[in-house]
Amino acid sequence: MLRCDFCGKQSQVVIRVALDRDYDRLTVKHHKMYACPECSKKKEEERRKKRGAVSGTETS
């Protein structure tokens, strides 16, 4: 079993988004963190909301 770095739950699957529009964790030094599917979905929604606020439009 793997453990989510965000909520601490054990999970069969963890996810790490390293590259997305205006989001780059491949070239920036940082501590790598992995998320369970639920936390990954929540983080993706937060990124989309933030991206919409920056560009002035909401993305779906």
PDB file of N, CA and C in Angstrom:
ATOM      1  N   MET A   1       0.836  -1.190   0.000  1.00  0.00           N
ATOM      2  CA  MET A   1       0.000   0.000   0.000  1.00  0.00           C
ATOM      3  C   MET A   1       0.879   1.252   0.000  1.00  0.00           C
ATOM      4  N   LEU A   2       0.375   2.260  -0.647  1.00  0.00           N
ATOM      5  CA  LEU A   2       1.048   3.550  -0.706  1.00  0.00           C
ATOM      6  C   LEU A   2       0.312   4.514   0.215  1.00  0.00           C
ATOM      7  N   ARG A   3       0.953   5.622   0.559  1.00  0.00           N
ATOM      8  CA  ARG A   3       0.334   6.596   1.452  1.00  0.00           C
ATOM      9  C   ARG A   3       0.280   7.969   0.778  1.00  0.00           C
ATOM     10  N   CYS A   4      -0.884   8.614   0.883  1.00  0.00           N
ATOM     11  CA  CYS A   4      -1.072   9.959   0.342  1.00  0.00           C
ATOM     12  C   CYS A   4      -0.296  10.953   1.213  1.00  0.00           C
ATOM     13  N   ASP A   5       0.499  11.809   0.578  1.00  0.00           N
ATOM     14  CA  ASP A   5       1.260  12.825   1.317  1.00  0.00           C
ATOM     15  C   ASP A   5       0.376  13.973   1.799  1.00  0.00           C
ATOM     16  N   PHE A   6      -0.857  14.053   1.325  1.00  0.00           N
ATOM     17  CA  PHE A   6      -1.740  15.163   1.685  1.00  0.00           C
ATOM     18  C   PHE A   6      -2.696  14.808   2.824  1.00  0.00           C
ATOM     19  N   CYS A   7      -3.366  13.651   2.742  1.00  0.00           N
ATOM     20  CA  CYS A   7      -4.322  13.275   3.789  1.00  0.00           C
ATOM     21  C   CYS A   7      -3.812  12.156   4.675  1.00  0.00           C
ATOM     22  N   GLY A   8      -2.760  11.448   4.236  1.00  0.00           N
ATOM     23  CA  GLY A   8      -2.182  10.384   5.031  1.00  0.00           C
ATOM     24  C   GLY A   8      -2.849   9.027   4.877  1.00  0.00           C
ATOM     25  N   LYS A   9      -3.930   8.949   4.090  1.00  0.00           N
ATOM     26  CA  LYS A   9      -4.610   7.672   3.901  1.00  0.00           C
ATOM     27  C   LYS A   9      -3.769   6.728   3.053  1.00  0.00           C
ATOM     28  N   GLN A  10      -3.924   5.433   3.314  1.00  0.00           N
ATOM     29  CA  GLN A  10      -3.289   4.438   2.464  1.00  0.00           C
ATOM     30  C   GLN A  10      -4.127   4.272   1.210  1.00  0.00           C
ATOM     31  N   SER A  11      -3.442   4.030   0.089  1.00  0.00           N
ATOM     32  CA  SER A  11      -4.127   3.927  -1.190  1.00  0.00           C
ATOM     33  C   SER A  11      -3.383   2.948  -2.084  1.00  0.00           C
ATOM     34  N   GLN A  12      -4.115   2.284  -2.953  1.00  0.00           N
ATOM     35  CA  GLN A  12      -3.500   1.401  -3.945  1.00  0.00           C
ATOM     36  C   GLN A  12      -2.799   2.227  -5.028  1.00  0.00           C
ATOM     37  N   VAL A  13      -3.260   3.469  -5.219  1.00  0.00           N
ATOM     38  CA  VAL A  13      -2.768   4.339  -6.291  1.00  0.00           C
ATOM     39  C   VAL A  13      -2.459   5.716  -5.717  1.00  0.00           C
ATOM     40  N   VAL A  14      -1.337   6.299  -6.102  1.00  0.00           N
ATOM     41  CA  VAL A  14      -1.056   7.701  -5.806  1.00  0.00           C
ATOM     42  C   VAL A  14      -0.685   8.396  -7.107  1.00  0.00           C
ATOM     43  N   ILE A  15      -0.923   9.696  -7.152  1.00  0.00           N
ATOM     44  CA  ILE A  15      -0.777  10.478  -8.378  1.00  0.00           C
ATOM     45  C   ILE A  15       0.117  11.676  -8.095  1.00  0.00           C
ATOM     46  N   ARG A  16       0.936  12.034  -9.066  1.00  0.00           N
ATOM     47  CA  ARG A  16       1.757  13.241  -8.963  1.00  0.00           C
ATOM     48  C   ARG A  16       1.654  13.986 -10.281  1.00  0.00           C
ATOM     49  N   VAL A  17       1.091  15.184 -10.244  1.00  0.00           N
ATOM     50  CA  VAL A  17       1.046  16.034 -11.434  1.00  0.00           C
ATOM     51  C   VAL A  17       2.296  16.895 -11.390  1.00  0.00           C
ATOM     52  N   ALA A  18       3.128  16.762 -12.411  1.00  0.00           N
ATOM     53  CA  ALA A  18       4.381  17.505 -12.438  1.00  0.00           C
ATOM     54  C   ALA A  18       4.378  18.607 -13.483  1.00  0.00           C
ATOM     55  N   LEU A  19       3.478  18.510 -14.439  1.00  0.00           N
ATOM     56  CA  LEU A  19       3.466  19.490 -15.518  1.00  0.00           C
ATOM     57  C   LEU A  19       2.031  19.707 -15.981  1.00  0.00           C
ATOM     58  N   ASP A  20       1.628  20.953 -16.028  1.00  0.00           N
ATOM     59  CA  ASP A  20       0.315  21.355 -16.506  1.00  0.00           C
ATOM     60  C   ASP A  20       0.462  22.787 -16.992  1.00  0.00           C
ATOM     61  N   ARG A  21      -0.539  23.298 -17.643  1.00  0.00           N
ATOM     62  CA  ARG A  21      -0.468  24.679 -18.121  1.00  0.00           C
ATOM     63  C   ARG A  21      -0.197  25.613 -16.940  1.00  0.00           C
ATOM     64  N   ASP A  22       0.845  26.417 -17.032  1.00  0.00           N
ATOM     65  CA  ASP A  22       1.256  27.345 -15.975  1.00  0.00           C
ATOM     66  C   ASP A  22       1.607  26.640 -14.662  1.00  0.00           C
ATOM     67  N   TYR A  23       1.995  25.375 -14.729  1.00  0.00           N
ATOM     68  CA  TYR A  23       2.351  24.606 -13.537  1.00  0.00           C
ATOM     69  C   TYR A  23       3.497  23.683 -13.923  1.00  0.00           C
ATOM     70  N   ASP A  24       4.676  23.954 -13.373  1.00  0.00           N
ATOM     71  CA  ASP A  24       5.851  23.179 -13.748  1.00  0.00           C
ATOM     72  C   ASP A  24       6.612  22.751 -12.505  1.00  0.00           C
ATOM     73  N   ARG A  25       6.580  21.468 -12.230  1.00  0.00           N
ATOM     74  CA  ARG A  25       7.338  20.929 -11.111  1.00  0.00           C
ATOM     75  C   ARG A  25       8.462  20.035 -11.601  1.00  0.00           C
ATOM     76  N   LEU A  26       8.763  20.107 -12.892  1.00  0.00           N
ATOM     77  CA  LEU A  26       9.867  19.330 -13.423  1.00  0.00           C
ATOM     78  C   LEU A  26      11.189  20.077 -13.303  1.00  0.00           C
ATOM     79  N   THR A  27      11.163  21.398 -13.434  1.00  0.00           N
ATOM     80  CA  THR A  27      12.398  22.173 -13.410  1.00  0.00           C
ATOM     81  C   THR A  27      12.591  22.971 -12.125  1.00  0.00           C
ATOM     82  N   VAL A  28      11.582  23.017 -11.263  1.00  0.00           N
ATOM     83  CA  VAL A  28      11.654  23.773 -10.017  1.00  0.00           C
ATOM     84  C   VAL A  28      12.005  22.818  -8.886  1.00  0.00           C
ATOM     85  N   LYS A  29      13.005  23.181  -8.077  1.00  0.00           N
ATOM     86  CA  LYS A  29      13.360  22.343  -6.928  1.00  0.00           C
ATOM     87  C   LYS A  29      12.218  22.381  -5.918  1.00  0.00           C
ATOM     88  N   HIS A  30      11.815  21.202  -5.454  1.00  0.00           N
ATOM     89  CA  HIS A  30      10.737  21.097  -4.482  1.00  0.00           C
ATOM     90  C   HIS A  30      10.720  19.695  -3.899  1.00  0.00           C
ATOM     91  N   HIS A  31       9.940  19.528  -2.865  1.00  0.00           N
ATOM     92  CA  HIS A  31       9.743  18.215  -2.258  1.00  0.00           C
ATOM     93  C   HIS A  31       8.626  17.508  -3.022  1.00  0.00           C
ATOM     94  N   LYS A  32       8.904  16.342  -3.599  1.00  0.00           N
ATOM     95  CA  LYS A  32       7.904  15.611  -4.367  1.00  0.00           C
ATOM     96  C   LYS A  32       6.842  15.053  -3.435  1.00  0.00           C
ATOM     97  N   MET A  33       5.582  15.277  -3.813  1.00  0.00           N
ATOM     98  CA  MET A  33       4.467  14.779  -3.022  1.00  0.00           C
ATOM     99  C   MET A  33       3.506  14.022  -3.926  1.00  0.00           C
ATOM    100  N   TYR A  34       2.910  12.981  -3.365  1.00  0.00           N
ATOM    101  CA  TYR A  34       2.004  12.124  -4.116  1.00  0.00           C
ATOM    102  C   TYR A  34       0.643  12.139  -3.439  1.00  0.00           C
ATOM    103  N   ALA A  35      -0.430  12.130  -4.255  1.00  0.00           N
ATOM    104  CA  ALA A  35      -1.787  12.250  -3.738  1.00  0.00           C
ATOM    105  C   ALA A  35      -2.621  11.026  -4.094  1.00  0.00           C
ATOM    106  N   CYS A  36      -3.509  10.659  -3.175  1.00  0.00           N
ATOM    107  CA  CYS A  36      -4.490   9.618  -3.467  1.00  0.00           C
ATOM    108  C   CYS A  36      -5.462  10.190  -4.513  1.00  0.00           C
ATOM    109  N   PRO A  37      -6.268   9.368  -5.149  1.00  0.00           N
ATOM    110  CA  PRO A  37      -7.190   9.887  -6.174  1.00  0.00           C
ATOM    111  C   PRO A  37      -8.103  11.013  -5.673  1.00  0.00           C
ATOM    112  N   GLU A  38      -8.594  10.917  -4.441  1.00  0.00           N
ATOM    113  CA  GLU A  38      -9.481  11.960  -3.915  1.00  0.00           C
ATOM    114  C   GLU A  38      -8.742  13.285  -3.752  1.00  0.00           C
ATOM    115  N   CYS A  39      -7.553  13.249  -3.164  1.00  0.00           N
ATOM    116  CA  CYS A  39      -6.771  14.477  -2.982  1.00  0.00           C
ATOM    117  C   CYS A  39      -6.302  15.024  -4.326  1.00  0.00           C
ATOM    118  N   SER A  40      -5.959  14.137  -5.251  1.00  0.00           N
ATOM    119  CA  SER A  40      -5.536  14.582  -6.576  1.00  0.00           C
ATOM    120  C   SER A  40      -6.673  15.337  -7.272  1.00  0.00           C
ATOM    121  N   LYS A  41      -7.883  14.809  -7.170  1.00  0.00           N
ATOM    122  CA  LYS A  41      -9.045  15.474  -7.783  1.00  0.00           C
ATOM    123  C   LYS A  41      -9.260  16.859  -7.155  1.00  0.00           C
ATOM    124  N   LYS A  42      -9.151  16.925  -5.837  1.00  0.00           N
ATOM    125  CA  LYS A  42      -9.324  18.205  -5.131  1.00  0.00           C
ATOM    126  C   LYS A  42      -8.255  19.212  -5.568  1.00  0.00           C
ATOM    127  N   LYS A  43      -6.996  18.758  -5.642  1.00  0.00           N
ATOM    128  CA  LYS A  43      -5.920  19.651  -6.062  1.00  0.00           C
ATOM    129  C   LYS A  43      -6.108  20.116  -7.499  1.00  0.00           C
ATOM    130  N   GLU A  44      -6.575  19.224  -8.388  1.00  0.00           N
ATOM    131  CA  GLU A  44      -6.821  19.598  -9.780  1.00  0.00           C
ATOM    132  C   GLU A  44      -7.913  20.659  -9.864  1.00  0.00           C
ATOM    133  N   GLU A  45      -8.972  20.510  -9.083  1.00  0.00           N
ATOM    134  CA  GLU A  45     -10.042  21.509  -9.058  1.00  0.00           C
ATOM    135  C   GLU A  45      -9.512  22.853  -8.575  1.00  0.00           C
ATOM    136  N   GLU A  46      -8.660  22.842  -7.558  1.00  0.00           N
ATOM    137  CA  GLU A  46      -8.062  24.081  -7.046  1.00  0.00           C
ATOM    138  C   GLU A  46      -7.192  24.739  -8.118  1.00  0.00           C
ATOM    139  N   ARG A  47      -6.390  23.927  -8.849  1.00  0.00           N
ATOM    140  CA  ARG A  47      -5.557  24.481  -9.922  1.00  0.00           C
ATOM    141  C   ARG A  47      -6.415  25.107 -11.009  1.00  0.00           C
ATOM    142  N   ARG A  48      -7.503  24.449 -11.382  1.00  0.00           N
ATOM    143  CA  ARG A  48      -8.394  24.976 -12.424  1.00  0.00           C
ATOM    144  C   ARG A  48      -9.051  26.282 -11.985  1.00  0.00           C
ATOM    145  N   LYS A  49      -9.490  26.343 -10.728  1.00  0.00           N
ATOM    146  CA  LYS A  49     -10.100  27.577 -10.213  1.00  0.00           C
ATOM    147  C   LYS A  49      -9.087  28.709 -10.220  1.00  0.00           C
ATOM    148  N   LYS A  50      -7.867  28.411  -9.765  1.00  0.00           N
ATOM    149  CA  LYS A  50      -6.813  29.430  -9.734  1.00  0.00           C
ATOM    150  C   LYS A  50      -6.475  29.892 -11.144  1.00  0.00           C
ATOM    151  N   ARG A  51      -6.382  28.954 -12.063  1.00  0.00           N
ATOM    152  CA  ARG A  51      -6.077  29.281 -13.468  1.00  0.00           C
ATOM    153  C   ARG A  51      -7.187  30.158 -14.036  1.00  0.00           C
ATOM    154  N   GLY A  52      -8.448  29.853 -13.722  1.00  0.00           N
ATOM    155  CA  GLY A  52      -9.575  30.655 -14.191  1.00  0.00           C
ATOM    156  C   GLY A  52      -9.541  32.057 -13.612  1.00  0.00           C
ATOM    157  N   ALA A  53      -9.172  32.181 -12.335  1.00  0.00           N
ATOM    158  CA  ALA A  53      -9.092  33.490 -11.699  1.00  0.00           C
ATOM    159  C   ALA A  53      -7.980  34.336 -12.293  1.00  0.00           C
ATOM    160  N   VAL A  54      -6.879  33.712 -12.655  1.00  0.00           N
ATOM    161  CA  VAL A  54      -5.746  34.440 -13.224  1.00  0.00           C
ATOM    162  C   VAL A  54      -6.082  34.912 -14.635  1.00  0.00           C
ATOM    163  N   SER A  55      -6.710  34.046 -15.426  1.00  0.00           N
ATOM    164  CA  SER A  55      -7.005  34.396 -16.819  1.00  0.00           C
ATOM    165  C   SER A  55      -8.303  35.174 -16.952  1.00  0.00           C
ATOM    166  N   GLY A  56      -9.105  35.204 -15.878  1.00  0.00           N
ATOM    167  CA  GLY A  56     -10.363  35.934 -15.944  1.00  0.00           C
ATOM    168  C   GLY A  56     -11.518  35.090 -16.429  1.00  0.00           C
ATOM    169  N   THR A  57     -11.264  33.836 -16.736  1.00  0.00           N
ATOM    170  CA  THR A  57     -12.341  32.944 -17.148  1.00  0.00           C
ATOM    171  C   THR A  57     -12.233  31.637 -16.380  1.00  0.00           C
ATOM    172  N   GLU A  58     -13.351  31.047 -16.117  1.00  0.00           N
ATOM    173  CA  GLU A  58     -13.391  29.761 -15.429  1.00  0.00           C
ATOM    174  C   GLU A  58     -13.271  28.649 -16.453  1.00  0.00           C
ATOM    175  N   THR A  59     -12.449  27.649 -16.152  1.00  0.00           N
ATOM    176  CA  THR A  59     -12.320  26.515 -17.051  1.00  0.00           C
ATOM    177  C   THR A  59     -13.043  25.329 -16.449  1.00  0.00           C
ATOM    178  N   SER A  60     -13.509  24.442 -17.294  1.00  0.00           N
ATOM    179  CA  SER A  60     -14.197  23.255 -16.785  1.00  0.00           C
ATOM    180  C   SER A  60     -13.451  21.999 -17.130  1.00  0.00           C
TER     181      SER A  60
END
